[in-house]
Amino acid sequence: ILTFSGLDSVFYLSDAKVTVRMSTSSISGDLSLQSKKDLGYHI
């Protein structure tokens, strides 16, 4: 979001929606991966 926008503006659309699923079978919901995810965010 930062770089692809050129660190400028992002256009926000509120009249359509994306539903993002967080489950134990996904990376976002798998707590066992947290240390590696934290490292990614650190980088």
Full PDB file with SEQRES, HELIX, SHEET, SSBOND, CRYST1, ORIGX, SCALE, CONECT and MASTER records, all heavy atoms in Angstrom:
SEQRES   1 A   43  ILE LEU THR PHE SER GLY LEU ASP SER VAL PHE TYR LEU          
SEQRES   2 A   43  SER ASP ALA LYS VAL THR VAL ARG MET SER THR SER SER          
SEQRES   3 A   43  ILE SER GLY ASP LEU SER LEU GLN SER LYS LYS ASP LEU          
SEQRES   4 A   43  GLY TYR HIS ILE                                              
HELIX    1 AA1 LEU A   31  LEU A   33  5                                   3    
HELIX    2 AA2 GLN A   34  HIS A   42  1                                   9    
CRYST1    1.000    1.000    1.000  90.00  90.00  90.00 P 1           1          
ORIGX1      1.000000  0.000000  0.000000        0.00000                         
ORIGX2      0.000000  1.000000  0.000000        0.00000                         
ORIGX3      0.000000  0.000000  1.000000        0.00000                         
SCALE1      1.000000  0.000000  0.000000        0.00000                         
SCALE2      0.000000  1.000000  0.000000        0.00000                         
SCALE3      0.000000  0.000000  1.000000        0.00000                         
ATOM      1  N   ILE A   1       0.838  -1.205   0.000  1.00  0.00           N  
ATOM      2  CA  ILE A   1       0.000   0.000   0.000  1.00  0.00           C  
ATOM      3  C   ILE A   1       0.871   1.252   0.000  1.00  0.00           C  
ATOM      4  O   ILE A   1       0.617   2.221  -0.731  1.00  0.00           O  
ATOM      5  CB  ILE A   1      -0.949   0.004   1.218  1.00  0.00           C  
ATOM      6  CG1 ILE A   1      -2.139  -0.909   0.968  1.00  0.00           C  
ATOM      7  CG2 ILE A   1      -1.436   1.403   1.537  1.00  0.00           C  
ATOM      8  CD1 ILE A   1      -3.172  -0.341   0.017  1.00  0.00           C  
ATOM      9  N   LEU A   2       1.917   1.235   0.812  1.00  0.00           N  
ATOM     10  CA  LEU A   2       2.821   2.387   0.864  1.00  0.00           C  
ATOM     11  C   LEU A   2       3.517   2.614  -0.475  1.00  0.00           C  
ATOM     12  O   LEU A   2       3.478   3.710  -1.033  1.00  0.00           O  
ATOM     13  CB  LEU A   2       3.885   2.161   1.945  1.00  0.00           C  
ATOM     14  CG  LEU A   2       3.591   2.583   3.377  1.00  0.00           C  
ATOM     15  CD1 LEU A   2       4.782   2.254   4.267  1.00  0.00           C  
ATOM     16  CD2 LEU A   2       3.264   4.063   3.477  1.00  0.00           C  
ATOM     17  N   THR A   3       4.165   1.589  -0.975  1.00  0.00           N  
ATOM     18  CA  THR A   3       5.025   1.774  -2.148  1.00  0.00           C  
ATOM     19  C   THR A   3       4.251   1.827  -3.452  1.00  0.00           C  
ATOM     20  O   THR A   3       4.546   2.657  -4.321  1.00  0.00           O  
ATOM     21  CB  THR A   3       6.083   0.661  -2.209  1.00  0.00           C  
ATOM     22  OG1 THR A   3       5.431  -0.620  -2.209  1.00  0.00           O  
ATOM     23  CG2 THR A   3       7.021   0.745  -1.014  1.00  0.00           C  
ATOM     24  N   PHE A   4       3.240   0.965  -3.608  1.00  0.00           N  
ATOM     25  CA  PHE A   4       2.480   0.960  -4.866  1.00  0.00           C  
ATOM     26  C   PHE A   4       1.699   2.257  -5.033  1.00  0.00           C  
ATOM     27  O   PHE A   4       1.380   2.653  -6.154  1.00  0.00           O  
ATOM     28  CB  PHE A   4       1.523  -0.229  -4.922  1.00  0.00           C  
ATOM     29  CG  PHE A   4       2.200  -1.588  -4.995  1.00  0.00           C  
ATOM     30  CD1 PHE A   4       3.580  -1.708  -4.942  1.00  0.00           C  
ATOM     31  CD2 PHE A   4       1.457  -2.738  -5.119  1.00  0.00           C  
ATOM     32  CE1 PHE A   4       4.205  -2.948  -5.000  1.00  0.00           C  
ATOM     33  CE2 PHE A   4       2.053  -3.985  -5.189  1.00  0.00           C  
ATOM     34  CZ  PHE A   4       3.437  -4.092  -5.118  1.00  0.00           C  
ATOM     35  N   SER A   5       1.375   2.922  -3.926  1.00  0.00           N  
ATOM     36  CA  SER A   5       0.676   4.202  -4.001  1.00  0.00           C  
ATOM     37  C   SER A   5       1.640   5.354  -4.277  1.00  0.00           C  
ATOM     38  O   SER A   5       1.207   6.489  -4.463  1.00  0.00           O  
ATOM     39  CB  SER A   5      -0.050   4.484  -2.677  1.00  0.00           C  
ATOM     40  OG  SER A   5       0.889   4.729  -1.642  1.00  0.00           O  
ATOM     41  N   GLY A   6       2.937   5.042  -4.284  1.00  0.00           N  
ATOM     42  CA  GLY A   6       3.927   6.109  -4.404  1.00  0.00           C  
ATOM     43  C   GLY A   6       4.017   6.931  -3.137  1.00  0.00           C  
ATOM     44  O   GLY A   6       4.433   8.088  -3.159  1.00  0.00           O  
ATOM     45  N   LEU A   7       3.624   6.324  -1.993  1.00  0.00           N  
ATOM     46  CA  LEU A   7       3.527   7.008  -0.701  1.00  0.00           C  
ATOM     47  C   LEU A   7       2.677   8.256  -0.811  1.00  0.00           C  
ATOM     48  O   LEU A   7       2.930   9.275  -0.189  1.00  0.00           O  
ATOM     49  CB  LEU A   7       4.910   7.312  -0.122  1.00  0.00           C  
ATOM     50  CG  LEU A   7       5.614   6.048   0.349  1.00  0.00           C  
ATOM     51  CD1 LEU A   7       6.814   5.736  -0.507  1.00  0.00           C  
ATOM     52  CD2 LEU A   7       6.014   6.162   1.811  1.00  0.00           C  
ATOM     53  N   ASP A   8       1.657   8.136  -1.643  1.00  0.00           N  
ATOM     54  CA  ASP A   8       0.744   9.243  -1.874  1.00  0.00           C  
ATOM     55  C   ASP A   8      -0.655   8.835  -1.413  1.00  0.00           C  
ATOM     56  O   ASP A   8      -0.810   8.376  -0.293  1.00  0.00           O  
ATOM     57  CB  ASP A   8       0.773   9.621  -3.362  1.00  0.00           C  
ATOM     58  CG  ASP A   8       0.277  11.029  -3.621  1.00  0.00           C  
ATOM     59  OD1 ASP A   8      -0.406  11.577  -2.745  1.00  0.00           O  
ATOM     60  OD2 ASP A   8       0.559  11.579  -4.709  1.00  0.00           O  
ATOM     61  N   SER A   9      -1.642   8.952  -2.273  1.00  0.00           N  
ATOM     62  CA  SER A   9      -3.030   8.730  -1.868  1.00  0.00           C  
ATOM     63  C   SER A   9      -3.533   7.341  -2.228  1.00  0.00           C  
ATOM     64  O   SER A   9      -3.134   6.761  -3.237  1.00  0.00           O  
ATOM     65  CB  SER A   9      -3.931   9.779  -2.521  1.00  0.00           C  
ATOM     66  OG  SER A   9      -3.573  11.081  -2.100  1.00  0.00           O  
ATOM     67  N   VAL A  10      -4.437   6.842  -1.393  1.00  0.00           N  
ATOM     68  CA  VAL A  10      -5.154   5.594  -1.644  1.00  0.00           C  
ATOM     69  C   VAL A  10      -6.632   5.944  -1.783  1.00  0.00           C  
ATOM     70  O   VAL A  10      -7.174   6.720  -0.989  1.00  0.00           O  
ATOM     71  CB  VAL A  10      -4.950   4.588  -0.493  1.00  0.00           C  
ATOM     72  CG1 VAL A  10      -5.791   3.335  -0.710  1.00  0.00           C  
ATOM     73  CG2 VAL A  10      -3.475   4.233  -0.361  1.00  0.00           C  
ATOM     74  N   PHE A  11      -7.272   5.386  -2.791  1.00  0.00           N  
ATOM     75  CA  PHE A  11      -8.707   5.624  -3.007  1.00  0.00           C  
ATOM     76  C   PHE A  11      -9.487   4.570  -2.241  1.00  0.00           C  
ATOM     77  O   PHE A  11      -9.241   3.378  -2.398  1.00  0.00           O  
ATOM     78  CB  PHE A  11      -9.046   5.553  -4.498  1.00  0.00           C  
ATOM     79  CG  PHE A  11     -10.332   6.248  -4.855  1.00  0.00           C  
ATOM     80  CD1 PHE A  11     -10.336   7.585  -5.206  1.00  0.00           C  
ATOM     81  CD2 PHE A  11     -11.542   5.561  -4.843  1.00  0.00           C  
ATOM     82  CE1 PHE A  11     -11.519   8.240  -5.539  1.00  0.00           C  
ATOM     83  CE2 PHE A  11     -12.735   6.204  -5.160  1.00  0.00           C  
ATOM     84  CZ  PHE A  11     -12.721   7.550  -5.519  1.00  0.00           C  
ATOM     85  N   TYR A  12     -10.427   5.022  -1.412  1.00  0.00           N  
ATOM     86  CA  TYR A  12     -11.171   4.089  -0.569  1.00  0.00           C  
ATOM     87  C   TYR A  12     -12.604   3.947  -1.062  1.00  0.00           C  
ATOM     88  O   TYR A  12     -13.308   4.942  -1.260  1.00  0.00           O  
ATOM     89  CB  TYR A  12     -11.175   4.574   0.886  1.00  0.00           C  
ATOM     90  CG  TYR A  12     -11.579   3.492   1.864  1.00  0.00           C  
ATOM     91  CD1 TYR A  12     -10.612   2.710   2.483  1.00  0.00           C  
ATOM     92  CD2 TYR A  12     -12.914   3.238   2.156  1.00  0.00           C  
ATOM     93  CE1 TYR A  12     -10.973   1.701   3.370  1.00  0.00           C  
ATOM     94  CE2 TYR A  12     -13.280   2.234   3.028  1.00  0.00           C  
ATOM     95  CZ  TYR A  12     -12.312   1.476   3.636  1.00  0.00           C  
ATOM     96  OH  TYR A  12     -12.667   0.475   4.502  1.00  0.00           O  
ATOM     97  N   LEU A  13     -13.031   2.696  -1.266  1.00  0.00           N  
ATOM     98  CA  LEU A  13     -14.372   2.395  -1.734  1.00  0.00           C  
ATOM     99  C   LEU A  13     -15.154   1.687  -0.623  1.00  0.00           C  
ATOM    100  O   LEU A  13     -14.775   0.588  -0.202  1.00  0.00           O  
ATOM    101  CB  LEU A  13     -14.319   1.512  -2.979  1.00  0.00           C  
ATOM    102  CG  LEU A  13     -13.787   2.187  -4.250  1.00  0.00           C  
ATOM    103  CD1 LEU A  13     -13.638   1.176  -5.375  1.00  0.00           C  
ATOM    104  CD2 LEU A  13     -14.716   3.304  -4.679  1.00  0.00           C  
ATOM    105  N   SER A  14     -16.224   2.300  -0.163  1.00  0.00           N  
ATOM    106  CA  SER A  14     -16.998   1.740   0.943  1.00  0.00           C  
ATOM    107  C   SER A  14     -18.293   1.076   0.500  1.00  0.00           C  
ATOM    108  O   SER A  14     -18.971   0.444   1.310  1.00  0.00           O  
ATOM    109  CB  SER A  14     -17.328   2.840   1.964  1.00  0.00           C  
ATOM    110  OG  SER A  14     -18.061   3.893   1.347  1.00  0.00           O  
ATOM    111  N   ASP A  15     -18.651   1.202  -0.791  1.00  0.00           N  
ATOM    112  CA  ASP A  15     -19.931   0.672  -1.261  1.00  0.00           C  
ATOM    113  C   ASP A  15     -19.849  -0.764  -1.770  1.00  0.00           C  
ATOM    114  O   ASP A  15     -20.852  -1.323  -2.220  1.00  0.00           O  
ATOM    115  CB  ASP A  15     -20.502   1.575  -2.355  1.00  0.00           C  
ATOM    116  CG  ASP A  15     -20.947   2.922  -1.799  1.00  0.00           C  
ATOM    117  OD1 ASP A  15     -21.263   2.970  -0.595  1.00  0.00           O  
ATOM    118  OD2 ASP A  15     -20.952   3.915  -2.544  1.00  0.00           O  
ATOM    119  N   ALA A  16     -18.682  -1.351  -1.747  1.00  0.00           N  
ATOM    120  CA  ALA A  16     -18.508  -2.778  -2.029  1.00  0.00           C  
ATOM    121  C   ALA A  16     -17.652  -3.347  -0.905  1.00  0.00           C  
ATOM    122  O   ALA A  16     -16.967  -2.604  -0.206  1.00  0.00           O  
ATOM    123  CB  ALA A  16     -17.856  -3.002  -3.385  1.00  0.00           C  
ATOM    124  N   LYS A  17     -17.697  -4.650  -0.756  1.00  0.00           N  
ATOM    125  CA  LYS A  17     -17.037  -5.235   0.424  1.00  0.00           C  
ATOM    126  C   LYS A  17     -16.291  -6.523   0.076  1.00  0.00           C  
ATOM    127  O   LYS A  17     -16.739  -7.308  -0.767  1.00  0.00           O  
ATOM    128  CB  LYS A  17     -18.075  -5.526   1.509  1.00  0.00           C  
ATOM    129  CG  LYS A  17     -17.487  -5.837   2.881  1.00  0.00           C  
ATOM    130  CD  LYS A  17     -18.571  -5.989   3.922  1.00  0.00           C  
ATOM    131  CE  LYS A  17     -19.234  -4.673   4.256  1.00  0.00           C  
ATOM    132  NZ  LYS A  17     -18.334  -3.753   4.983  1.00  0.00           N  
ATOM    133  N   VAL A  18     -15.177  -6.705   0.749  1.00  0.00           N  
ATOM    134  CA  VAL A  18     -14.423  -7.955   0.693  1.00  0.00           C  
ATOM    135  C   VAL A  18     -14.546  -8.625   2.054  1.00  0.00           C  
ATOM    136  O   VAL A  18     -14.434  -7.961   3.092  1.00  0.00           O  
ATOM    137  CB  VAL A  18     -12.937  -7.707   0.349  1.00  0.00           C  
ATOM    138  CG1 VAL A  18     -12.156  -9.015   0.345  1.00  0.00           C  
ATOM    139  CG2 VAL A  18     -12.816  -6.997  -0.992  1.00  0.00           C  
ATOM    140  N   THR A  19     -14.803  -9.910   2.054  1.00  0.00           N  
ATOM    141  CA  THR A  19     -14.854 -10.665   3.305  1.00  0.00           C  
ATOM    142  C   THR A  19     -13.590 -11.500   3.408  1.00  0.00           C  
ATOM    143  O   THR A  19     -13.320 -12.350   2.554  1.00  0.00           O  
ATOM    144  CB  THR A  19     -16.097 -11.572   3.360  1.00  0.00           C  
ATOM    145  OG1 THR A  19     -17.270 -10.745   3.293  1.00  0.00           O  
ATOM    146  CG2 THR A  19     -16.127 -12.370   4.649  1.00  0.00           C  
ATOM    147  N   VAL A  20     -12.829 -11.232   4.439  1.00  0.00           N  
ATOM    148  CA  VAL A  20     -11.536 -11.888   4.646  1.00  0.00           C  
ATOM    149  C   VAL A  20     -11.685 -12.902   5.771  1.00  0.00           C  
ATOM    150  O   VAL A  20     -12.130 -12.565   6.868  1.00  0.00           O  
ATOM    151  CB  VAL A  20     -10.451 -10.847   5.001  1.00  0.00           C  
ATOM    152  CG1 VAL A  20      -9.118 -11.533   5.274  1.00  0.00           C  
ATOM    153  CG2 VAL A  20     -10.314  -9.814   3.883  1.00  0.00           C  
ATOM    154  N   ARG A  21     -11.309 -14.135   5.486  1.00  0.00           N  
ATOM    155  CA  ARG A  21     -11.507 -15.204   6.469  1.00  0.00           C  
ATOM    156  C   ARG A  21     -10.236 -15.458   7.274  1.00  0.00           C  
ATOM    157  O   ARG A  21      -9.148 -15.623   6.720  1.00  0.00           O  
ATOM    158  CB  ARG A  21     -11.930 -16.497   5.776  1.00  0.00           C  
ATOM    159  CG  ARG A  21     -12.491 -17.550   6.733  1.00  0.00           C  
ATOM    160  CD  ARG A  21     -12.832 -18.826   5.995  1.00  0.00           C  
ATOM    161  NE  ARG A  21     -13.730 -18.591   4.883  1.00  0.00           N  
ATOM    162  CZ  ARG A  21     -15.063 -18.637   4.966  1.00  0.00           C  
ATOM    163  NH1 ARG A  21     -15.635 -18.902   6.114  1.00  0.00           N  
ATOM    164  NH2 ARG A  21     -15.809 -18.425   3.892  1.00  0.00           N  
ATOM    165  N   MET A  22     -10.407 -15.486   8.576  1.00  0.00           N  
ATOM    166  CA  MET A  22      -9.311 -15.847   9.482  1.00  0.00           C  
ATOM    167  C   MET A  22      -9.671 -17.157  10.158  1.00  0.00           C  
ATOM    168  O   MET A  22     -10.591 -17.198  10.978  1.00  0.00           O  
ATOM    169  CB  MET A  22      -9.070 -14.745  10.515  1.00  0.00           C  
ATOM    170  CG  MET A  22      -7.910 -15.025  11.452  1.00  0.00           C  
ATOM    171  SD  MET A  22      -7.668 -13.697  12.668  1.00  0.00           S  
ATOM    172  CE  MET A  22      -7.137 -12.361  11.608  1.00  0.00           C  
ATOM    173  N   SER A  23      -8.988 -18.218   9.784  1.00  0.00           N  
ATOM    174  CA  SER A  23      -9.280 -19.543  10.360  1.00  0.00           C  
ATOM    175  C   SER A  23      -7.984 -20.216  10.760  1.00  0.00           C  
ATOM    176  O   SER A  23      -6.891 -19.775  10.390  1.00  0.00           O  
ATOM    177  CB  SER A  23     -10.026 -20.408   9.339  1.00  0.00           C  
ATOM    178  OG  SER A  23      -9.191 -20.733   8.249  1.00  0.00           O  
ATOM    179  N   THR A  24      -8.087 -21.299  11.493  1.00  0.00           N  
ATOM    180  CA  THR A  24      -6.890 -22.007  11.931  1.00  0.00           C  
ATOM    181  C   THR A  24      -6.146 -22.647  10.763  1.00  0.00           C  
ATOM    182  O   THR A  24      -4.974 -22.996  10.884  1.00  0.00           O  
ATOM    183  CB  THR A  24      -7.268 -23.107  12.945  1.00  0.00           C  
ATOM    184  OG1 THR A  24      -8.292 -23.944  12.379  1.00  0.00           O  
ATOM    185  CG2 THR A  24      -7.797 -22.491  14.238  1.00  0.00           C  
ATOM    186  N   SER A  25      -6.822 -22.792   9.622  1.00  0.00           N  
ATOM    187  CA  SER A  25      -6.156 -23.364   8.453  1.00  0.00           C  
ATOM    188  C   SER A  25      -5.460 -22.309   7.607  1.00  0.00           C  
ATOM    189  O   SER A  25      -4.793 -22.630   6.632  1.00  0.00           O  
ATOM    190  CB  SER A  25      -7.171 -24.118   7.582  1.00  0.00           C  
ATOM    191  OG  SER A  25      -8.139 -23.233   7.044  1.00  0.00           O  
ATOM    192  N   SER A  26      -5.608 -21.036   7.985  1.00  0.00           N  
ATOM    193  CA  SER A  26      -4.954 -19.958   7.246  1.00  0.00           C  
ATOM    194  C   SER A  26      -3.728 -19.474   8.009  1.00  0.00           C  
ATOM    195  O   SER A  26      -3.618 -19.660   9.226  1.00  0.00           O  
ATOM    196  CB  SER A  26      -5.915 -18.788   7.032  1.00  0.00           C  
ATOM    197  OG  SER A  26      -6.242 -18.169   8.266  1.00  0.00           O  
ATOM    198  N   ILE A  27      -2.821 -18.841   7.299  1.00  0.00           N  
ATOM    199  CA  ILE A  27      -1.617 -18.306   7.941  1.00  0.00           C  
ATOM    200  C   ILE A  27      -1.993 -17.268   8.989  1.00  0.00           C  
ATOM    201  O   ILE A  27      -1.428 -17.224  10.082  1.00  0.00           O  
ATOM    202  CB  ILE A  27      -0.666 -17.719   6.883  1.00  0.00           C  
ATOM    203  CG1 ILE A  27      -0.057 -18.843   6.039  1.00  0.00           C  
ATOM    204  CG2 ILE A  27       0.434 -16.897   7.540  1.00  0.00           C  
ATOM    205  CD1 ILE A  27       0.790 -18.371   4.886  1.00  0.00           C  
ATOM    206  N   SER A  28      -2.960 -16.428   8.664  1.00  0.00           N  
ATOM    207  CA  SER A  28      -3.348 -15.358   9.583  1.00  0.00           C  
ATOM    208  C   SER A  28      -3.902 -15.902  10.901  1.00  0.00           C  
ATOM    209  O   SER A  28      -3.717 -15.289  11.954  1.00  0.00           O  
ATOM    210  CB  SER A  28      -4.377 -14.437   8.930  1.00  0.00           C  
ATOM    211  OG  SER A  28      -5.509 -15.180   8.513  1.00  0.00           O  
ATOM    212  N   GLY A  29      -4.564 -17.060  10.859  1.00  0.00           N  
ATOM    213  CA  GLY A  29      -5.168 -17.598  12.060  1.00  0.00           C  
ATOM    214  C   GLY A  29      -4.370 -18.672  12.760  1.00  0.00           C  
ATOM    215  O   GLY A  29      -4.757 -19.146  13.828  1.00  0.00           O  
ATOM    216  N   ASP A  30      -3.238 -19.072  12.188  1.00  0.00           N  
ATOM    217  CA  ASP A  30      -2.415 -20.148  12.753  1.00  0.00           C  
ATOM    218  C   ASP A  30      -1.425 -19.569  13.768  1.00  0.00           C  
ATOM    219  O   ASP A  30      -0.415 -18.976  13.403  1.00  0.00           O  
ATOM    220  CB  ASP A  30      -1.662 -20.866  11.620  1.00  0.00           C  
ATOM    221  CG  ASP A  30      -1.004 -22.150  12.092  1.00  0.00           C  
ATOM    222  OD1 ASP A  30      -0.789 -22.287  13.310  1.00  0.00           O  
ATOM    223  OD2 ASP A  30      -0.698 -23.009  11.242  1.00  0.00           O  
ATOM    224  N   LEU A  31      -1.738 -19.748  15.037  1.00  0.00           N  
ATOM    225  CA  LEU A  31      -0.910 -19.175  16.098  1.00  0.00           C  
ATOM    226  C   LEU A  31       0.469 -19.829  16.194  1.00  0.00           C  
ATOM    227  O   LEU A  31       1.409 -19.223  16.719  1.00  0.00           O  
ATOM    228  CB  LEU A  31      -1.635 -19.287  17.447  1.00  0.00           C  
ATOM    229  CG  LEU A  31      -2.956 -18.506  17.557  1.00  0.00           C  
ATOM    230  CD1 LEU A  31      -3.590 -18.742  18.921  1.00  0.00           C  
ATOM    231  CD2 LEU A  31      -2.737 -17.021  17.309  1.00  0.00           C  
ATOM    232  N   SER A  32       0.609 -21.045  15.684  1.00  0.00           N  
ATOM    233  CA  SER A  32       1.899 -21.736  15.756  1.00  0.00           C  
ATOM    234  C   SER A  32       2.957 -21.058  14.881  1.00  0.00           C  
ATOM    235  O   SER A  32       4.151 -21.295  15.041  1.00  0.00           O  
ATOM    236  CB  SER A  32       1.750 -23.199  15.343  1.00  0.00           C  
ATOM    237  OG  SER A  32       1.458 -23.312  13.951  1.00  0.00           O  
ATOM    238  N   LEU A  33       2.499 -20.228  13.959  1.00  0.00           N  
ATOM    239  CA  LEU A  33       3.417 -19.539  13.043  1.00  0.00           C  
ATOM    240  C   LEU A  33       3.751 -18.120  13.516  1.00  0.00           C  
ATOM    241  O   LEU A  33       4.421 -17.383  12.796  1.00  0.00           O  
ATOM    242  CB  LEU A  33       2.803 -19.471  11.639  1.00  0.00           C  
ATOM    243  CG  LEU A  33       2.404 -20.802  10.997  1.00  0.00           C  
ATOM    244  CD1 LEU A  33       1.716 -20.544   9.661  1.00  0.00           C  
ATOM    245  CD2 LEU A  33       3.626 -21.695  10.809  1.00  0.00           C  
ATOM    246  N   GLN A  34       3.271 -17.765  14.706  1.00  0.00           N  
ATOM    247  CA  GLN A  34       3.349 -16.366  15.123  1.00  0.00           C  
ATOM    248  C   GLN A  34       4.771 -15.818  15.162  1.00  0.00           C  
ATOM    249  O   GLN A  34       5.013 -14.671  14.763  1.00  0.00           O  
ATOM    250  CB  GLN A  34       2.697 -16.183  16.490  1.00  0.00           C  
ATOM    251  CG  GLN A  34       2.426 -14.728  16.850  1.00  0.00           C  
ATOM    252  CD  GLN A  34       1.518 -14.049  15.841  1.00  0.00           C  
ATOM    253  OE1 GLN A  34       0.460 -14.569  15.499  1.00  0.00           O  
ATOM    254  NE2 GLN A  34       1.931 -12.886  15.352  1.00  0.00           N  
ATOM    255  N   SER A  35       5.721 -16.612  15.636  1.00  0.00           N  
ATOM    256  CA  SER A  35       7.098 -16.104  15.744  1.00  0.00           C  
ATOM    257  C   SER A  35       7.674 -15.774  14.366  1.00  0.00           C  
ATOM    258  O   SER A  35       8.370 -14.766  14.199  1.00  0.00           O  
ATOM    259  CB  SER A  35       7.993 -17.110  16.470  1.00  0.00           C  
ATOM    260  OG  SER A  35       8.072 -18.329  15.754  1.00  0.00           O  
ATOM    261  N   LYS A  36       7.364 -16.607  13.375  1.00  0.00           N  
ATOM    262  CA  LYS A  36       7.861 -16.346  12.020  1.00  0.00           C  
ATOM    263  C   LYS A  36       7.127 -15.163  11.392  1.00  0.00           C  
ATOM    264  O   LYS A  36       7.721 -14.375  10.647  1.00  0.00           O  
ATOM    265  CB  LYS A  36       7.707 -17.593  11.154  1.00  0.00           C  
ATOM    266  CG  LYS A  36       8.631 -18.725  11.570  1.00  0.00           C  
ATOM    267  CD  LYS A  36       8.482 -19.938  10.671  1.00  0.00           C  
ATOM    268  CE  LYS A  36       9.432 -21.045  11.101  1.00  0.00           C  
ATOM    269  NZ  LYS A  36       9.290 -22.257  10.256  1.00  0.00           N  
ATOM    270  N   LYS A  37       5.834 -15.028  11.690  1.00  0.00           N  
ATOM    271  CA  LYS A  37       5.087 -13.879  11.198  1.00  0.00           C  
ATOM    272  C   LYS A  37       5.631 -12.591  11.823  1.00  0.00           C  
ATOM    273  O   LYS A  37       5.764 -11.565  11.141  1.00  0.00           O  
ATOM    274  CB  LYS A  37       3.599 -14.038  11.495  1.00  0.00           C  
ATOM    275  CG  LYS A  37       2.934 -15.147  10.677  1.00  0.00           C  
ATOM    276  CD  LYS A  37       1.430 -15.184  10.848  1.00  0.00           C  
ATOM    277  CE  LYS A  37       0.995 -15.646  12.202  1.00  0.00           C  
ATOM    278  NZ  LYS A  37      -0.471 -15.839  12.304  1.00  0.00           N  
ATOM    279  N   ASP A  38       5.948 -12.647  13.110  1.00  0.00           N  
ATOM    280  CA  ASP A  38       6.518 -11.483  13.792  1.00  0.00           C  
ATOM    281  C   ASP A  38       7.839 -11.069  13.158  1.00  0.00           C  
ATOM    282  O   ASP A  38       8.129  -9.876  13.016  1.00  0.00           O  
ATOM    283  CB  ASP A  38       6.728 -11.773  15.273  1.00  0.00           C  
ATOM    284  CG  ASP A  38       5.414 -11.855  16.043  1.00  0.00           C  
ATOM    285  OD1 ASP A  38       4.382 -11.396  15.521  1.00  0.00           O  
ATOM    286  OD2 ASP A  38       5.435 -12.391  17.172  1.00  0.00           O  
ATOM    287  N   LEU A  39       8.642 -12.064  12.770  1.00  0.00           N  
ATOM    288  CA  LEU A  39       9.913 -11.762  12.112  1.00  0.00           C  
ATOM    289  C   LEU A  39       9.672 -11.082  10.766  1.00  0.00           C  
ATOM    290  O   LEU A  39      10.364 -10.127  10.408  1.00  0.00           O  
ATOM    291  CB  LEU A  39      10.728 -13.038  11.921  1.00  0.00           C  
ATOM    292  CG  LEU A  39      12.060 -12.872  11.170  1.00  0.00           C  
ATOM    293  CD1 LEU A  39      12.989 -11.910  11.917  1.00  0.00           C  
ATOM    294  CD2 LEU A  39      12.737 -14.230  10.973  1.00  0.00           C  
ATOM    295  N   GLY A  40       8.675 -11.576  10.019  1.00  0.00           N  
ATOM    296  CA  GLY A  40       8.351 -10.955   8.745  1.00  0.00           C  
ATOM    297  C   GLY A  40       7.959  -9.498   8.925  1.00  0.00           C  
ATOM    298  O   GLY A  40       8.412  -8.627   8.178  1.00  0.00           O  
ATOM    299  N   TYR A  41       7.118  -9.236   9.921  1.00  0.00           N  
ATOM    300  CA  TYR A  41       6.687  -7.865  10.169  1.00  0.00           C  
ATOM    301  C   TYR A  41       7.860  -6.995  10.612  1.00  0.00           C  
ATOM    302  O   TYR A  41       7.963  -5.815  10.240  1.00  0.00           O  
ATOM    303  CB  TYR A  41       5.587  -7.836  11.228  1.00  0.00           C  
ATOM    304  CG  TYR A  41       4.799  -6.556  11.213  1.00  0.00           C  
ATOM    305  CD1 TYR A  41       3.746  -6.384  10.329  1.00  0.00           C  
ATOM    306  CD2 TYR A  41       5.107  -5.508  12.070  1.00  0.00           C  
ATOM    307  CE1 TYR A  41       3.024  -5.203  10.288  1.00  0.00           C  
ATOM    308  CE2 TYR A  41       4.402  -4.328  12.042  1.00  0.00           C  
ATOM    309  CZ  TYR A  41       3.359  -4.175  11.150  1.00  0.00           C  
ATOM    310  OH  TYR A  41       2.662  -2.994  11.118  1.00  0.00           O  
ATOM    311  N   HIS A  42       8.762  -7.576  11.378  1.00  0.00           N  
ATOM    312  CA  HIS A  42       9.965  -6.875  11.826  1.00  0.00           C  
ATOM    313  C   HIS A  42      10.805  -6.426  10.625  1.00  0.00           C  
ATOM    314  O   HIS A  42      11.280  -5.285  10.577  1.00  0.00           O  
ATOM    315  CB  HIS A  42      10.775  -7.815  12.728  1.00  0.00           C  
ATOM    316  CG  HIS A  42      12.118  -7.299  13.127  1.00  0.00           C  
ATOM    317  ND1 HIS A  42      12.292  -6.319  14.078  1.00  0.00           N  
ATOM    318  CD2 HIS A  42      13.372  -7.634  12.690  1.00  0.00           C  
ATOM    319  CE1 HIS A  42      13.584  -6.069  14.226  1.00  0.00           C  
ATOM    320  NE2 HIS A  42      14.255  -6.848  13.399  1.00  0.00           N  
ATOM    321  N   ILE A  43      10.959  -7.303   9.656  1.00  0.00           N  
ATOM    322  CA  ILE A  43      11.734  -6.975   8.454  1.00  0.00           C  
ATOM    323  C   ILE A  43      11.019  -5.891   7.648  1.00  0.00           C  
ATOM    324  O   ILE A  43      11.651  -4.964   7.120  1.00  0.00           O  
ATOM    325  CB  ILE A  43      11.960  -8.233   7.600  1.00  0.00           C  
ATOM    326  CG1 ILE A  43      12.815  -9.243   8.362  1.00  0.00           C  
ATOM    327  CG2 ILE A  43      12.627  -7.880   6.268  1.00  0.00           C  
ATOM    328  CD1 ILE A  43      12.878 -10.616   7.723  1.00  0.00           C  
TER     329      ILE A  43                                                      
MASTER        0    0    0    2    0    0    0    6  328    1    0    4          
END                                                                             
